[in-house]
PDB file of all heavy atoms in Angstrom:
ATOM      1  N   GLY A   1      99.818 125.983  95.055  1.00  0.00           N
ATOM      2  CA  GLY A   1      98.927 125.835  93.912  1.00  0.00           C
ATOM      3  C   GLY A   1      98.100 127.079  93.681  1.00  0.00           C
ATOM      4  O   GLY A   1      97.946 127.538  92.541  1.00  0.00           O
ATOM      5  N   ALA A   2      97.579 127.660  94.760  1.00  0.00           N
ATOM      6  CA  ALA A   2      96.772 128.879  94.642  1.00  0.00           C
ATOM      7  C   ALA A   2      97.590 130.060  94.144  1.00  0.00           C
ATOM      8  O   ALA A   2      97.078 130.947  93.458  1.00  0.00           O
ATOM      9  CB  ALA A   2      96.139 129.210  95.995  1.00  0.00           C
ATOM     10  N   ALA A   3      98.887 130.059  94.468  1.00  0.00           N
ATOM     11  CA  ALA A   3      99.762 131.168  94.068  1.00  0.00           C
ATOM     12  C   ALA A   3     100.223 131.061  92.618  1.00  0.00           C
ATOM     13  O   ALA A   3     100.716 132.041  92.066  1.00  0.00           O
ATOM     14  CB  ALA A   3     100.973 131.229  94.988  1.00  0.00           C
ATOM     15  N   GLY A   4     100.091 129.863  92.015  1.00  0.00           N
ATOM     16  CA  GLY A   4     100.474 129.715  90.613  1.00  0.00           C
ATOM     17  C   GLY A   4     101.710 128.891  90.347  1.00  0.00           C
ATOM     18  O   GLY A   4     102.362 129.060  89.300  1.00  0.00           O
ATOM     19  N   ALA A   5     102.062 127.970  91.248  1.00  0.00           N
ATOM     20  CA  ALA A   5     103.215 127.106  91.010  1.00  0.00           C
ATOM     21  C   ALA A   5     103.023 126.294  89.727  1.00  0.00           C
ATOM     22  O   ALA A   5     101.932 125.795  89.454  1.00  0.00           O
ATOM     23  CB  ALA A   5     103.421 126.157  92.186  1.00  0.00           C
ATOM     24  N   ALA A   6     104.087 126.152  88.954  1.00  0.00           N
ATOM     25  CA  ALA A   6     104.034 125.303  87.759  1.00  0.00           C
ATOM     26  C   ALA A   6     103.992 123.829  88.154  1.00  0.00           C
ATOM     27  O   ALA A   6     103.363 123.007  87.501  1.00  0.00           O
ATOM     28  CB  ALA A   6     105.253 125.572  86.879  1.00  0.00           C
ATOM     29  N   ALA A   7     104.683 123.496  89.240  1.00  0.00           N
ATOM     30  CA  ALA A   7     104.723 122.134  89.770  1.00  0.00           C
ATOM     31  C   ALA A   7     105.128 122.233  91.232  1.00  0.00           C
ATOM     32  O   ALA A   7     105.567 123.290  91.700  1.00  0.00           O
ATOM     33  CB  ALA A   7     105.706 121.268  88.988  1.00  0.00           C
ATOM     34  N   ILE A   8     104.996 121.123  91.947  1.00  0.00           N
ATOM     35  CA  ILE A   8     105.365 121.101  93.359  1.00  0.00           C
ATOM     36  C   ILE A   8     106.315 119.937  93.601  1.00  0.00           C
ATOM     37  O   ILE A   8     106.059 118.805  93.178  1.00  0.00           O
ATOM     38  CB  ILE A   8     104.121 120.970  94.259  1.00  0.00           C
ATOM     39  CG1 ILE A   8     103.243 122.220  94.112  1.00  0.00           C
ATOM     40  CG2 ILE A   8     104.516 120.774  95.723  1.00  0.00           C
ATOM     41  CD1 ILE A   8     101.917 122.145  94.816  1.00  0.00           C
ATOM     42  N   SER A   9     107.422 120.233  94.253  1.00  0.00           N
ATOM     43  CA  SER A   9     108.424 119.228  94.614  1.00  0.00           C
ATOM     44  C   SER A   9     108.220 118.829  96.067  1.00  0.00           C
ATOM     45  O   SER A   9     108.055 119.694  96.932  1.00  0.00           O
ATOM     46  CB  SER A   9     109.828 119.809  94.409  1.00  0.00           C
ATOM     47  OG  SER A   9     110.815 118.990  95.000  1.00  0.00           O
ATOM     48  N   VAL A  10     108.252 117.521  96.328  1.00  0.00           N
ATOM     49  CA  VAL A  10     108.054 117.027  97.686  1.00  0.00           C
ATOM     50  C   VAL A  10     109.250 116.170  98.084  1.00  0.00           C
ATOM     51  O   VAL A  10     109.537 115.156  97.443  1.00  0.00           O
ATOM     52  CB  VAL A  10     106.759 116.197  97.798  1.00  0.00           C
ATOM     53  CG1 VAL A  10     106.534 115.761  99.242  1.00  0.00           C
ATOM     54  CG2 VAL A  10     105.559 116.978  97.284  1.00  0.00           C
ATOM     55  N   LEU A  11     109.948 116.576  99.133  1.00  0.00           N
ATOM     56  CA  LEU A  11     111.058 115.776  99.659  1.00  0.00           C
ATOM     57  C   LEU A  11     110.504 114.546 100.354  1.00  0.00           C
ATOM     58  O   LEU A  11     109.650 114.653 101.231  1.00  0.00           O
ATOM     59  CB  LEU A  11     111.871 116.600 100.647  1.00  0.00           C
ATOM     60  CG  LEU A  11     113.202 117.185 100.166  1.00  0.00           C
ATOM     61  CD1 LEU A  11     114.205 116.102  99.808  1.00  0.00           C
ATOM     62  CD2 LEU A  11     112.994 118.129  99.013  1.00  0.00           C
ATOM     63  N   THR A  12     111.003 113.371  99.951  1.00  0.00           N
ATOM     64  CA  THR A  12     110.555 112.130 100.594  1.00  0.00           C
ATOM     65  C   THR A  12     111.683 111.411 101.321  1.00  0.00           C
ATOM     66  O   THR A  12     111.457 110.362 101.914  1.00  0.00           O
ATOM     67  CB  THR A  12     109.918 111.179  99.563  1.00  0.00           C
ATOM     68  OG1 THR A  12     110.886 110.823  98.567  1.00  0.00           O
ATOM     69  CG2 THR A  12     108.703 111.800  98.896  1.00  0.00           C
ATOM     70  N   GLU A  13     112.900 111.964 101.320  1.00  0.00           N
ATOM     71  CA  GLU A  13     114.043 111.329 101.989  1.00  0.00           C
ATOM     72  C   GLU A  13     113.920 111.561 103.493  1.00  0.00           C
ATOM     73  O   GLU A  13     113.838 112.705 103.941  1.00  0.00           O
ATOM     74  CB  GLU A  13     115.349 111.915 101.447  1.00  0.00           C
ATOM     75  CG  GLU A  13     116.595 111.105 101.778  1.00  0.00           C
ATOM     76  CD  GLU A  13     117.040 111.246 103.220  1.00  0.00           C
ATOM     77  OE1 GLU A  13     116.901 112.365 103.788  1.00  0.00           O
ATOM     78  OE2 GLU A  13     117.502 110.248 103.795  1.00  0.00           O
ATOM     79  N   PRO A  14     113.926 110.484 104.322  1.00  0.00           N
ATOM     80  CA  PRO A  14     113.626 110.646 105.742  1.00  0.00           C
ATOM     81  C   PRO A  14     114.805 111.040 106.631  1.00  0.00           C
ATOM     82  O   PRO A  14     114.630 111.814 107.581  1.00  0.00           O
ATOM     83  CB  PRO A  14     113.091 109.266 106.138  1.00  0.00           C
ATOM     84  CG  PRO A  14     113.780 108.320 105.197  1.00  0.00           C
ATOM     85  CD  PRO A  14     113.919 109.070 103.895  1.00  0.00           C
ATOM     86  N   GLY A  15     115.976 110.502 106.377  1.00  0.00           N
ATOM     87  CA  GLY A  15     117.076 110.635 107.324  1.00  0.00           C
ATOM     88  C   GLY A  15     117.709 112.005 107.398  1.00  0.00           C
ATOM     89  O   GLY A  15     118.126 112.453 108.478  1.00  0.00           O
ATOM     90  N   PHE A  16     117.802 112.697 106.280  1.00  0.00           N
ATOM     91  CA  PHE A  16     118.485 113.982 106.216  1.00  0.00           C
ATOM     92  C   PHE A  16     117.536 115.154 105.974  1.00  0.00           C
ATOM     93  O   PHE A  16     117.904 116.294 106.222  1.00  0.00           O
ATOM     94  CB  PHE A  16     119.539 113.957 105.106  1.00  0.00           C
ATOM     95  CG  PHE A  16     120.662 112.998 105.358  1.00  0.00           C
ATOM     96  CD1 PHE A  16     120.520 111.638 105.088  1.00  0.00           C
ATOM     97  CD2 PHE A  16     121.871 113.440 105.872  1.00  0.00           C
ATOM     98  CE1 PHE A  16     121.561 110.752 105.321  1.00  0.00           C
ATOM     99  CE2 PHE A  16     122.914 112.560 106.106  1.00  0.00           C
ATOM    100  CZ  PHE A  16     122.764 111.209 105.839  1.00  0.00           C
ATOM    101  N   PHE A  17     116.317 114.851 105.479  1.00  0.00           N
ATOM    102  CA  PHE A  17     115.382 115.914 105.122  1.00  0.00           C
ATOM    103  C   PHE A  17     114.041 115.809 105.839  1.00  0.00           C
ATOM    104  O   PHE A  17     113.142 116.609 105.603  1.00  0.00           O
ATOM    105  CB  PHE A  17     115.139 115.916 103.608  1.00  0.00           C
ATOM    106  CG  PHE A  17     116.362 116.277 102.799  1.00  0.00           C
ATOM    107  CD1 PHE A  17     117.264 115.301 102.411  1.00  0.00           C
ATOM    108  CD2 PHE A  17     116.609 117.591 102.436  1.00  0.00           C
ATOM    109  CE1 PHE A  17     118.396 115.633 101.672  1.00  0.00           C
ATOM    110  CE2 PHE A  17     117.730 117.930 101.693  1.00  0.00           C
ATOM    111  CZ  PHE A  17     118.631 116.946 101.317  1.00  0.00           C
ATOM    112  N   ASP A  18     113.864 114.781 106.698  1.00  0.00           N
ATOM    113  CA  ASP A  18     112.609 114.559 107.417  1.00  0.00           C
ATOM    114  C   ASP A  18     111.437 114.352 106.466  1.00  0.00           C
ATOM    115  O   ASP A  18     110.290 114.709 106.775  1.00  0.00           O
ATOM    116  CB  ASP A  18     112.291 115.718 108.366  1.00  0.00           C
ATOM    117  CG  ASP A  18     113.242 115.794 109.549  1.00  0.00           C
ATOM    118  OD1 ASP A  18     114.022 114.837 109.744  1.00  0.00           O
ATOM    119  OD2 ASP A  18     113.230 116.804 110.269  1.00  0.00           O
ATOM    120  N   GLY A  19     111.706 113.782 105.285  1.00  0.00           N
ATOM    121  CA  GLY A  19     110.647 113.526 104.319  1.00  0.00           C
ATOM    122  C   GLY A  19     110.034 112.149 104.495  1.00  0.00           C
ATOM    123  O   GLY A  19     110.484 111.337 105.287  1.00  0.00           O
ATOM    124  N   ALA A  20     108.968 111.891 103.735  1.00  0.00           N
ATOM    125  CA  ALA A  20     108.283 110.609 103.794  1.00  0.00           C
ATOM    126  C   ALA A  20     107.445 110.439 102.535  1.00  0.00           C
ATOM    127  O   ALA A  20     106.956 111.422 101.970  1.00  0.00           O
ATOM    128  CB  ALA A  20     107.386 110.518 105.028  1.00  0.00           C
ATOM    129  N   LEU A  21     107.272 109.195 102.115  1.00  0.00           N
ATOM    130  CA  LEU A  21     106.399 108.928 100.973  1.00  0.00           C
ATOM    131  C   LEU A  21     104.968 109.365 101.268  1.00  0.00           C
ATOM    132  O   LEU A  21     104.229 109.734 100.352  1.00  0.00           O
ATOM    133  CB  LEU A  21     106.448 107.444 100.623  1.00  0.00           C
ATOM    134  CG  LEU A  21     107.687 106.999  99.840  1.00  0.00           C
ATOM    135  CD1 LEU A  21     107.848 105.485  99.901  1.00  0.00           C
ATOM    136  CD2 LEU A  21     107.615 107.480  98.395  1.00  0.00           C
ATOM    137  N   GLU A  22     104.588 109.336 102.528  1.00  0.00           N
ATOM    138  CA  GLU A  22     103.245 109.783 102.905  1.00  0.00           C
ATOM    139  C   GLU A  22     103.043 111.260 102.580  1.00  0.00           C
ATOM    140  O   GLU A  22     101.928 111.692 102.277  1.00  0.00           O
ATOM    141  CB  GLU A  22     103.004 109.514 104.392  1.00  0.00           C
ATOM    142  CG  GLU A  22     102.842 108.047 104.760  1.00  0.00           C
ATOM    143  CD  GLU A  22     104.136 107.261 104.729  1.00  0.00           C
ATOM    144  OE1 GLU A  22     105.226 107.890 104.786  1.00  0.00           O
ATOM    145  OE2 GLU A  22     104.096 106.017 104.641  1.00  0.00           O
ATOM    146  N   HIS A  23     104.105 112.040 102.653  1.00  0.00           N
ATOM    147  CA  HIS A  23     103.999 113.460 102.298  1.00  0.00           C
ATOM    148  C   HIS A  23     103.654 113.616 100.820  1.00  0.00           C
ATOM    149  O   HIS A  23     102.840 114.462 100.441  1.00  0.00           O
ATOM    150  CB  HIS A  23     105.311 114.183 102.588  1.00  0.00           C
ATOM    151  CG  HIS A  23     105.690 114.201 104.031  1.00  0.00           C
ATOM    152  ND1 HIS A  23     106.966 114.513 104.478  1.00  0.00           N
ATOM    153  CD2 HIS A  23     104.955 113.945 105.151  1.00  0.00           C
ATOM    154  CE1 HIS A  23     106.995 114.448 105.801  1.00  0.00           C
ATOM    155  NE2 HIS A  23     105.796 114.105 106.218  1.00  0.00           N
ATOM    156  N   LEU A  24     104.265 112.781  99.991  1.00  0.00           N
ATOM    157  CA  LEU A  24     103.983 112.808  98.558  1.00  0.00           C
ATOM    158  C   LEU A  24     102.517 112.475  98.297  1.00  0.00           C
ATOM    159  O   LEU A  24     101.831 113.164  97.532  1.00  0.00           O
ATOM    160  CB  LEU A  24     104.900 111.819  97.831  1.00  0.00           C
ATOM    161  CG  LEU A  24     104.737 111.674  96.325  1.00  0.00           C
ATOM    162  CD1 LEU A  24     105.093 112.964  95.604  1.00  0.00           C
ATOM    163  CD2 LEU A  24     105.614 110.530  95.812  1.00  0.00           C
ATOM    164  N   ALA A  25     102.032 111.430  98.939  1.00  0.00           N
ATOM    165  CA  ALA A  25     100.634 111.025  98.750  1.00  0.00           C
ATOM    166  C   ALA A  25      99.678 112.118  99.225  1.00  0.00           C
ATOM    167  O   ALA A  25      98.650 112.380  98.589  1.00  0.00           O
ATOM    168  CB  ALA A  25     100.368 109.720  99.498  1.00  0.00           C
ATOM    169  N   ALA A  26     100.012 112.780 100.336  1.00  0.00           N
ATOM    170  CA  ALA A  26      99.153 113.829 100.874  1.00  0.00           C
ATOM    171  C   ALA A  26      99.092 115.031  99.931  1.00  0.00           C
ATOM    172  O   ALA A  26      98.017 115.609  99.712  1.00  0.00           O
ATOM    173  CB  ALA A  26      99.658 114.269 102.252  1.00  0.00           C
ATOM    174  N   VAL A  27     100.231 115.394  99.342  1.00  0.00           N
ATOM    175  CA  VAL A  27     100.249 116.513  98.402  1.00  0.00           C
ATOM    176  C   VAL A  27      99.462 116.158  97.143  1.00  0.00           C
ATOM    177  O   VAL A  27      98.687 116.969  96.630  1.00  0.00           O
ATOM    178  CB  VAL A  27     101.697 116.905  98.070  1.00  0.00           C
ATOM    179  CG1 VAL A  27     101.754 117.874  96.888  1.00  0.00           C
ATOM    180  CG2 VAL A  27     102.363 117.530  99.292  1.00  0.00           C
ATOM    181  N   ARG A  28      99.655 114.940  96.652  1.00  0.00           N
ATOM    182  CA  ARG A  28      98.919 114.513  95.453  1.00  0.00           C
ATOM    183  C   ARG A  28      97.420 114.608  95.676  1.00  0.00           C
ATOM    184  O   ARG A  28      96.664 115.015  94.778  1.00  0.00           O
ATOM    185  CB  ARG A  28      99.318 113.069  95.112  1.00  0.00           C
ATOM    186  CG  ARG A  28      98.470 112.369  94.063  1.00  0.00           C
ATOM    187  CD  ARG A  28      98.727 112.852  92.647  1.00  0.00           C
ATOM    188  NE  ARG A  28      98.246 114.201  92.415  1.00  0.00           N
ATOM    189  CZ  ARG A  28      98.810 115.068  91.590  1.00  0.00           C
ATOM    190  NH1 ARG A  28      99.887 114.756  90.917  1.00  0.00           N
ATOM    191  NH2 ARG A  28      98.312 116.281  91.450  1.00  0.00           N
ATOM    192  N   ALA A  29      96.955 114.248  96.880  1.00  0.00           N
ATOM    193  CA  ALA A  29      95.524 114.282  97.180  1.00  0.00           C
ATOM    194  C   ALA A  29      95.008 115.708  97.350  1.00  0.00           C
ATOM    195  O   ALA A  29      93.815 115.955  97.190  1.00  0.00           O
ATOM    196  CB  ALA A  29      95.241 113.477  98.445  1.00  0.00           C
TER     197      ALA A  29
END
């Protein structure tokens, strides 16, 4: 965000990408 991203993509798929819905919530906050 500080660098100037237009948007941020958050991987939430757990099995193949180690993502989680909690990561999405943390980024949103």
